[in-house]
């Protein structure tokens, strides 16, 4: 009987400590739960701000420490989503964040500068250049993409920052070829004035003049051919190679 009472007394003595531990653990669980809810809310707010092209909402999240490189559930980068939704003000807010990975290519190997140049986004392209986005890369380059777009100012801007004029894409296309067929004709004239080689051929044996004629840009094609003939007649043309 005495032994049983002793055990009961010892249990009673332990209860206050046990209760305190239980309360402490419950408090921690509640804190963790609240933090998780807040993080989930910020995550949703982040992608909502991109979709709605709301840079102020993004800046508010960044001020609270949200990671600007967070990907969506499908693994898409925030900048890819901004381009998808044509949310260029949001894209600019992302690029201006000091921790944003501004030169990271997407699954197709396209960098943010390439996409900005193709979409004719002058302010965004300028910000990427200020950040140090790469201009000279293997294969397709930002100048190819700018030349394929509709904004000749971007062609001029990239050339001014040292973009290689005669960069060769995997199929041998040059920026001049892309401008001659796909981009603005003004972009092609800018490339010619800057000294782009008018006589290069791609892997199919086509020149920029062929590209221009394929879309009935006759005057441009004629000028490219004239410049190519003049270049071929120069004494140093023999030493030129692709």
C-alpha atoms as a PDB file:
ATOM      1  CA  UNK A   1       0.000   0.000   0.000  1.00  0.00           C
ATOM      2  CA  UNK A   2       2.842   2.313   0.953  1.00  0.00           C
ATOM      3  CA  UNK A   3       4.624   1.558  -2.344  1.00  0.00           C
ATOM      4  CA  UNK A   4       1.509   2.369  -4.368  1.00  0.00           C
ATOM      5  CA  UNK A   5       1.106   5.731  -2.639  1.00  0.00           C
ATOM      6  CA  UNK A   6       4.748   6.576  -3.284  1.00  0.00           C
ATOM      7  CA  UNK A   7       4.315   5.926  -7.006  1.00  0.00           C
ATOM      8  CA  UNK A   8       1.215   8.150  -7.101  1.00  0.00           C
ATOM      9  CA  UNK A   9       3.084  10.919  -5.316  1.00  0.00           C
ATOM     10  CA  UNK A  10       6.004  10.713  -7.735  1.00  0.00           C
ATOM     11  CA  UNK A  11       3.627  10.906 -10.725  1.00  0.00           C
ATOM     12  CA  UNK A  12       1.939  13.972  -9.235  1.00  0.00           C
ATOM     13  CA  UNK A  13       5.318  15.629  -8.732  1.00  0.00           C
ATOM     14  CA  UNK A  14       6.208  15.027 -12.382  1.00  0.00           C
ATOM     15  CA  UNK A  15       2.965  16.386 -13.828  1.00  0.00           C
ATOM     16  CA  UNK A  16       3.799  20.120 -13.661  1.00  0.00           C
ATOM     17  CA  UNK A  17       7.002  19.572 -15.684  1.00  0.00           C
ATOM     18  CA  UNK A  18       5.206  17.325 -18.155  1.00  0.00           C
ATOM     19  CA  UNK A  19       2.489  19.921 -18.637  1.00  0.00           C
ATOM     20  CA  UNK A  20       5.076  22.653 -19.183  1.00  0.00           C
ATOM     21  CA  UNK A  21       6.801  20.534 -21.850  1.00  0.00           C
ATOM     22  CA  UNK A  22       3.480  19.872 -23.543  1.00  0.00           C
ATOM     23  CA  UNK A  23       2.626  23.580 -23.602  1.00  0.00           C
ATOM     24  CA  UNK A  24       6.090  24.443 -24.923  1.00  0.00           C
ATOM     25  CA  UNK A  25       5.869  21.873 -27.746  1.00  0.00           C
ATOM     26  CA  UNK A  26       2.368  23.019 -28.640  1.00  0.00           C
ATOM     27  CA  UNK A  27       3.581  26.607 -28.824  1.00  0.00           C
ATOM     28  CA  UNK A  28       6.449  25.631 -31.125  1.00  0.00           C
ATOM     29  CA  UNK A  29       4.061  23.718 -33.383  1.00  0.00           C
ATOM     30  CA  UNK A  30       1.742  26.711 -33.589  1.00  0.00           C
ATOM     31  CA  UNK A  31       4.676  29.008 -34.465  1.00  0.00           C
ATOM     32  CA  UNK A  32       5.910  26.612 -37.159  1.00  0.00           C
ATOM     33  CA  UNK A  33       2.387  26.332 -38.558  1.00  0.00           C
ATOM     34  CA  UNK A  34       1.983  30.119 -38.684  1.00  0.00           C
ATOM     35  CA  UNK A  35       5.373  30.519 -40.387  1.00  0.00           C
ATOM     36  CA  UNK A  36       4.403  27.880 -42.942  1.00  0.00           C
ATOM     37  CA  UNK A  37       1.141  29.688 -43.630  1.00  0.00           C
ATOM     38  CA  UNK A  38       2.987  32.995 -44.047  1.00  0.00           C
ATOM     39  CA  UNK A  39       5.505  31.421 -46.425  1.00  0.00           C
ATOM     40  CA  UNK A  40       2.731  29.803 -48.460  1.00  0.00           C
ATOM     41  CA  UNK A  41       0.940  33.135 -48.633  1.00  0.00           C
ATOM     42  CA  UNK A  42       4.121  34.934 -49.780  1.00  0.00           C
ATOM     43  CA  UNK A  43       4.737  32.227 -52.382  1.00  0.00           C
ATOM     44  CA  UNK A  44       1.262  32.699 -53.850  1.00  0.00           C
ATOM     45  CA  UNK A  45       1.549  36.480 -53.632  1.00  0.00           C
ATOM     46  CA  UNK A  46       4.848  36.343 -55.538  1.00  0.00           C
ATOM     47  CA  UNK A  47       3.438  34.598 -58.587  1.00  0.00           C
ATOM     48  CA  UNK A  48       0.229  36.604 -58.423  1.00  0.00           C
ATOM     49  CA  UNK A  49       2.321  39.789 -58.550  1.00  0.00           C
ATOM     50  CA  UNK A  50       4.139  38.508 -61.643  1.00  0.00           C
ATOM     51  CA  UNK A  51       0.926  37.511 -63.420  1.00  0.00           C
ATOM     52  CA  UNK A  52      -0.653  40.893 -62.690  1.00  0.00           C
ATOM     53  CA  UNK A  53       2.561  42.786 -63.596  1.00  0.00           C
ATOM     54  CA  UNK A  54       2.729  44.415 -60.164  1.00  0.00           C
ATOM     55  CA  UNK A  55       6.304  45.536 -59.398  1.00  0.00           C
ATOM     56  CA  UNK A  56       5.339  47.269 -56.145  1.00  0.00           C
ATOM     57  CA  UNK A  57       3.967  44.019 -54.743  1.00  0.00           C
ATOM     58  CA  UNK A  58       7.209  42.277 -55.709  1.00  0.00           C
ATOM     59  CA  UNK A  59       9.312  44.971 -54.066  1.00  0.00           C
ATOM     60  CA  UNK A  60       7.243  44.606 -50.877  1.00  0.00           C
ATOM     61  CA  UNK A  61       7.921  40.861 -50.851  1.00  0.00           C
ATOM     62  CA  UNK A  62      11.625  41.425 -51.483  1.00  0.00           C
ATOM     63  CA  UNK A  63      11.762  43.873 -48.575  1.00  0.00           C
ATOM     64  CA  UNK A  64      10.538  41.025 -46.357  1.00  0.00           C
ATOM     65  CA  UNK A  65      13.302  38.745 -47.620  1.00  0.00           C
ATOM     66  CA  UNK A  66      11.497  36.736 -50.295  1.00  0.00           C
ATOM     67  CA  UNK A  67      13.853  34.965 -52.720  1.00  0.00           C
ATOM     68  CA  UNK A  68      13.484  36.477 -56.248  1.00  0.00           C
ATOM     69  CA  UNK A  69      14.742  33.226 -57.816  1.00  0.00           C
ATOM     70  CA  UNK A  70      11.867  31.104 -56.489  1.00  0.00           C
ATOM     71  CA  UNK A  71      10.462  28.797 -59.176  1.00  0.00           C
ATOM     72  CA  UNK A  72       6.815  27.824 -59.567  1.00  0.00           C
ATOM     73  CA  UNK A  73       5.491  24.272 -58.904  1.00  0.00           C
ATOM     74  CA  UNK A  74       6.349  23.319 -62.500  1.00  0.00           C
ATOM     75  CA  UNK A  75       9.935  24.507 -62.130  1.00  0.00           C
ATOM     76  CA  UNK A  76       9.534  27.621 -64.291  1.00  0.00           C
ATOM     77  CA  UNK A  77      11.643  30.626 -63.372  1.00  0.00           C
ATOM     78  CA  UNK A  78       9.925  33.869 -62.377  1.00  0.00           C
ATOM     79  CA  UNK A  79      11.387  35.699 -65.375  1.00  0.00           C
ATOM     80  CA  UNK A  80      10.118  33.032 -67.771  1.00  0.00           C
ATOM     81  CA  UNK A  81       6.656  33.563 -66.318  1.00  0.00           C
ATOM     82  CA  UNK A  82       7.000  37.334 -66.618  1.00  0.00           C
ATOM     83  CA  UNK A  83       7.802  36.957 -70.320  1.00  0.00           C
ATOM     84  CA  UNK A  84       4.909  34.519 -70.731  1.00  0.00           C
ATOM     85  CA  UNK A  85       2.437  37.015 -69.238  1.00  0.00           C
ATOM     86  CA  UNK A  86       4.139  39.994 -70.911  1.00  0.00           C
ATOM     87  CA  UNK A  87       4.633  41.387 -67.414  1.00  0.00           C
ATOM     88  CA  UNK A  88       7.608  43.560 -68.237  1.00  0.00           C
ATOM     89  CA  UNK A  89       7.360  45.930 -65.261  1.00  0.00           C
ATOM     90  CA  UNK A  90       7.499  42.881 -62.993  1.00  0.00           C
ATOM     91  CA  UNK A  91      10.430  41.534 -65.032  1.00  0.00           C
ATOM     92  CA  UNK A  92      12.294  44.797 -64.480  1.00  0.00           C
ATOM     93  CA  UNK A  93      11.700  44.575 -60.725  1.00  0.00           C
ATOM     94  CA  UNK A  94      13.098  41.032 -60.741  1.00  0.00           C
ATOM     95  CA  UNK A  95      16.197  41.979 -62.737  1.00  0.00           C
ATOM     96  CA  UNK A  96      16.955  44.911 -60.447  1.00  0.00           C
ATOM     97  CA  UNK A  97      17.091  42.692 -57.362  1.00  0.00           C
ATOM     98  CA  UNK A  98      20.776  42.281 -56.428  1.00  0.00           C
ATOM     99  CA  UNK A  99      20.403  38.535 -55.795  1.00  0.00           C
ATOM    100  CA  UNK A 100      18.480  37.749 -58.952  1.00  0.00           C
ATOM    101  CA  UNK A 101      20.224  35.347 -61.344  1.00  0.00           C
ATOM    102  CA  UNK A 102      19.962  37.669 -64.342  1.00  0.00           C
ATOM    103  CA  UNK A 103      21.958  35.624 -66.870  1.00  0.00           C
ATOM    104  CA  UNK A 104      20.582  32.137 -66.252  1.00  0.00           C
ATOM    105  CA  UNK A 105      19.315  30.445 -69.457  1.00  0.00           C
ATOM    106  CA  UNK A 106      15.978  28.678 -69.692  1.00  0.00           C
ATOM    107  CA  UNK A 107      15.488  25.068 -70.783  1.00  0.00           C
ATOM    108  CA  UNK A 108      15.910  26.128 -74.430  1.00  0.00           C
ATOM    109  CA  UNK A 109      19.229  27.834 -73.693  1.00  0.00           C
ATOM    110  CA  UNK A 110      17.797  31.345 -74.025  1.00  0.00           C
ATOM    111  CA  UNK A 111      19.083  33.982 -71.613  1.00  0.00           C
ATOM    112  CA  UNK A 112      16.935  36.810 -70.230  1.00  0.00           C
ATOM    113  CA  UNK A 113      18.747  39.290 -72.488  1.00  0.00           C
ATOM    114  CA  UNK A 114      17.977  37.199 -75.566  1.00  0.00           C
ATOM    115  CA  UNK A 115      14.272  37.101 -74.712  1.00  0.00           C
ATOM    116  CA  UNK A 116      14.135  40.788 -73.804  1.00  0.00           C
ATOM    117  CA  UNK A 117      15.837  41.682 -77.088  1.00  0.00           C
ATOM    118  CA  UNK A 118      13.471  39.507 -79.117  1.00  0.00           C
ATOM    119  CA  UNK A 119      10.440  41.070 -77.396  1.00  0.00           C
ATOM    120  CA  UNK A 120      11.697  44.591 -78.096  1.00  0.00           C
ATOM    121  CA  UNK A 121      12.060  45.481 -74.412  1.00  0.00           C
ATOM    122  CA  UNK A 122      14.540  48.345 -74.441  1.00  0.00           C
ATOM    123  CA  UNK A 123      14.472  49.278 -70.728  1.00  0.00           C
ATOM    124  CA  UNK A 124      14.720  45.663 -69.614  1.00  0.00           C
ATOM    125  CA  UNK A 125      17.567  44.953 -72.041  1.00  0.00           C
ATOM    126  CA  UNK A 126      19.408  48.049 -70.859  1.00  0.00           C
ATOM    127  CA  UNK A 127      19.082  46.947 -67.221  1.00  0.00           C
ATOM    128  CA  UNK A 128      20.395  43.485 -68.066  1.00  0.00           C
ATOM    129  CA  UNK A 129      23.380  45.028 -69.834  1.00  0.00           C
ATOM    130  CA  UNK A 130      24.062  47.219 -66.807  1.00  0.00           C
ATOM    131  CA  UNK A 131      23.990  44.097 -64.647  1.00  0.00           C
ATOM    132  CA  UNK A 132      26.575  42.486 -66.957  1.00  0.00           C
ATOM    133  CA  UNK A 133      24.531  40.088 -69.090  1.00  0.00           C
ATOM    134  CA  UNK A 134      26.652  38.072 -71.505  1.00  0.00           C
ATOM    135  CA  UNK A 135      26.715  39.233 -75.131  1.00  0.00           C
ATOM    136  CA  UNK A 136      29.218  36.849 -76.678  1.00  0.00           C
ATOM    137  CA  UNK A 137      28.054  33.278 -76.163  1.00  0.00           C
ATOM    138  CA  UNK A 138      28.298  30.124 -78.284  1.00  0.00           C
ATOM    139  CA  UNK A 139      25.535  29.566 -80.826  1.00  0.00           C
ATOM    140  CA  UNK A 140      22.558  31.907 -80.805  1.00  0.00           C
ATOM    141  CA  UNK A 141      23.378  35.292 -79.300  1.00  0.00           C
ATOM    142  CA  UNK A 142      21.367  38.254 -78.010  1.00  0.00           C
ATOM    143  CA  UNK A 143      22.176  40.096 -81.263  1.00  0.00           C
ATOM    144  CA  UNK A 144      20.597  37.289 -83.312  1.00  0.00           C
ATOM    145  CA  UNK A 145      17.458  37.685 -81.204  1.00  0.00           C
ATOM    146  CA  UNK A 146      17.460  41.492 -81.382  1.00  0.00           C
ATOM    147  CA  UNK A 147      17.931  41.322 -85.153  1.00  0.00           C
ATOM    148  CA  UNK A 148      14.944  38.954 -85.383  1.00  0.00           C
ATOM    149  CA  UNK A 149      12.732  41.355 -83.452  1.00  0.00           C
ATOM    150  CA  UNK A 150      10.959  44.544 -84.395  1.00  0.00           C
ATOM    151  CA  UNK A 151      12.975  47.056 -82.356  1.00  0.00           C
ATOM    152  CA  UNK A 152      16.029  48.366 -84.247  1.00  0.00           C
ATOM    153  CA  UNK A 153      17.136  50.393 -81.218  1.00  0.00           C
ATOM    154  CA  UNK A 154      18.043  47.122 -79.535  1.00  0.00           C
ATOM    155  CA  UNK A 155      20.244  46.110 -82.467  1.00  0.00           C
ATOM    156  CA  UNK A 156      22.037  49.432 -82.139  1.00  0.00           C
ATOM    157  CA  UNK A 157      22.267  49.130 -78.343  1.00  0.00           C
ATOM    158  CA  UNK A 158      23.803  45.654 -78.410  1.00  0.00           C
ATOM    159  CA  UNK A 159      26.299  46.649 -81.097  1.00  0.00           C
ATOM    160  CA  UNK A 160      27.245  49.642 -78.980  1.00  0.00           C
ATOM    161  CA  UNK A 161      27.968  47.323 -76.064  1.00  0.00           C
ATOM    162  CA  UNK A 162      30.276  45.162 -78.167  1.00  0.00           C
ATOM    163  CA  UNK A 163      28.035  42.371 -79.439  1.00  0.00           C
ATOM    164  CA  UNK A 164      29.839  40.340 -82.127  1.00  0.00           C
ATOM    165  CA  UNK A 165      28.446  41.414 -85.504  1.00  0.00           C
ATOM    166  CA  UNK A 166      29.025  38.165 -87.380  1.00  0.00           C
ATOM    167  CA  UNK A 167      28.291  35.603 -84.667  1.00  0.00           C
ATOM    168  CA  UNK A 168      27.307  32.269 -86.169  1.00  0.00           C
ATOM    169  CA  UNK A 169      24.277  30.334 -84.956  1.00  0.00           C
ATOM    170  CA  UNK A 170      24.434  26.516 -85.062  1.00  0.00           C
ATOM    171  CA  UNK A 171      22.906  26.618 -88.559  1.00  0.00           C
ATOM    172  CA  UNK A 172      25.392  29.253 -89.691  1.00  0.00           C
ATOM    173  CA  UNK A 173      22.928  32.144 -89.641  1.00  0.00           C
ATOM    174  CA  UNK A 174      24.294  35.587 -88.792  1.00  0.00           C
ATOM    175  CA  UNK A 175      22.417  38.459 -87.140  1.00  0.00           C
ATOM    176  CA  UNK A 176      22.284  40.180 -90.568  1.00  0.00           C
ATOM    177  CA  UNK A 177      20.527  37.158 -92.067  1.00  0.00           C
ATOM    178  CA  UNK A 178      17.979  37.166 -89.228  1.00  0.00           C
ATOM    179  CA  UNK A 179      17.299  40.873 -89.672  1.00  0.00           C
ATOM    180  CA  UNK A 180      17.052  40.554 -93.461  1.00  0.00           C
ATOM    181  CA  UNK A 181      14.212  38.044 -93.297  1.00  0.00           C
ATOM    182  CA  UNK A 182      12.638  38.055 -89.840  1.00  0.00           C
ATOM    183  CA  UNK A 183      13.371  41.380 -88.152  1.00  0.00           C
ATOM    184  CA  UNK A 184      12.953  45.020 -88.999  1.00  0.00           C
ATOM    185  CA  UNK A 185      14.586  46.208 -92.179  1.00  0.00           C
ATOM    186  CA  UNK A 186      15.984  49.119 -90.179  1.00  0.00           C
ATOM    187  CA  UNK A 187      17.850  46.621 -88.019  1.00  0.00           C
ATOM    188  CA  UNK A 188      19.490  45.157 -91.129  1.00  0.00           C
ATOM    189  CA  UNK A 189      20.638  48.608 -92.272  1.00  0.00           C
ATOM    190  CA  UNK A 190      22.103  49.268 -88.816  1.00  0.00           C
ATOM    191  CA  UNK A 191      24.073  46.030 -89.004  1.00  0.00           C
ATOM    192  CA  UNK A 192      25.380  46.876 -92.470  1.00  0.00           C
ATOM    193  CA  UNK A 193      26.399  50.357 -91.379  1.00  0.00           C
ATOM    194  CA  UNK A 194      28.220  48.886 -88.370  1.00  0.00           C
ATOM    195  CA  UNK A 195      30.233  46.616 -90.671  1.00  0.00           C
ATOM    196  CA  UNK A 196      28.454  43.266 -90.612  1.00  0.00           C
ATOM    197  CA  UNK A 197      29.848  40.927 -93.270  1.00  0.00           C
ATOM    198  CA  UNK A 198      27.365  40.963 -96.194  1.00  0.00           C
ATOM    199  CA  UNK A 199      28.724  37.940 -98.036  1.00  0.00           C
ATOM    200  CA  UNK A 200      28.724  35.147 -95.462  1.00  0.00           C
ATOM    201  CA  UNK A 201      26.759  31.973 -96.218  1.00  0.00           C
ATOM    202  CA  UNK A 202      24.958  29.708 -93.771  1.00  0.00           C
ATOM    203  CA  UNK A 203      25.067  25.920 -93.817  1.00  0.00           C
ATOM    204  CA  UNK A 204      22.468  25.851 -96.598  1.00  0.00           C
ATOM    205  CA  UNK A 205      24.650  28.120 -98.723  1.00  0.00           C
ATOM    206  CA  UNK A 206      22.322  31.120 -98.359  1.00  0.00           C
ATOM    207  CA  UNK A 207      23.447  34.711 -97.881  1.00  0.00           C
ATOM    208  CA  UNK A 208      21.745  37.629 -96.179  1.00  0.00           C
ATOM    209  CA  UNK A 209      20.729  38.843 -99.656  1.00  0.00           C
ATOM    210  CA  UNK A 210      18.938  35.522-100.242  1.00  0.00           C
ATOM    211  CA  UNK A 211      17.141  35.981 -96.932  1.00  0.00           C
ATOM    212  CA  UNK A 212      16.043  39.493 -97.918  1.00  0.00           C
ATOM    213  CA  UNK A 213      14.816  38.389-101.366  1.00  0.00           C
ATOM    214  CA  UNK A 214      12.769  35.570 -99.785  1.00  0.00           C
ATOM    215  CA  UNK A 215      10.531  38.229 -98.200  1.00  0.00           C
ATOM    216  CA  UNK A 216      10.648  40.619-101.158  1.00  0.00           C
ATOM    217  CA  UNK A 217      12.992  43.154 -99.593  1.00  0.00           C
ATOM    218  CA  UNK A 218      14.504  43.844-102.977  1.00  0.00           C
ATOM    219  CA  UNK A 219      16.297  47.114-102.177  1.00  0.00           C
ATOM    220  CA  UNK A 220      17.909  45.592 -99.114  1.00  0.00           C
ATOM    221  CA  UNK A 221      18.970  42.491-101.051  1.00  0.00           C
ATOM    222  CA  UNK A 222      20.476  44.622-103.801  1.00  0.00           C
ATOM    223  CA  UNK A 223      22.465  46.699-101.315  1.00  0.00           C
ATOM    224  CA  UNK A 224      23.727  43.602 -99.490  1.00  0.00           C
ATOM    225  CA  UNK A 225      24.907  42.133-102.798  1.00  0.00           C
ATOM    226  CA  UNK A 226      26.599  45.416-103.759  1.00  0.00           C
ATOM    227  CA  UNK A 227      28.442  45.572-100.443  1.00  0.00           C
ATOM    228  CA  UNK A 228      29.391  41.901-100.695  1.00  0.00           C
ATOM    229  CA  UNK A 229      30.898  42.499-104.178  1.00  0.00           C
ATOM    230  CA  UNK A 230      32.852  45.502-102.924  1.00  0.00           C
ATOM    231  CA  UNK A 231      34.145  43.516 -99.983  1.00  0.00           C
ATOM    232  CA  UNK A 232      35.146  40.601-102.192  1.00  0.00           C
ATOM    233  CA  UNK A 233      37.129  42.960-104.423  1.00  0.00           C
ATOM    234  CA  UNK A 234      39.220  44.291-101.548  1.00  0.00           C
ATOM    235  CA  UNK A 235      42.864  43.135-101.490  1.00  0.00           C
ATOM    236  CA  UNK A 236      42.450  41.732 -97.981  1.00  0.00           C
ATOM    237  CA  UNK A 237      39.300  39.770 -98.817  1.00  0.00           C
ATOM    238  CA  UNK A 238      41.321  36.624 -99.560  1.00  0.00           C
ATOM    239  CA  UNK A 239      42.415  36.446 -95.937  1.00  0.00           C
ATOM    240  CA  UNK A 240      38.876  36.799 -94.620  1.00  0.00           C
ATOM    241  CA  UNK A 241      37.246  33.630 -93.463  1.00  0.00           C
ATOM    242  CA  UNK A 242      34.265  32.580 -91.463  1.00  0.00           C
END
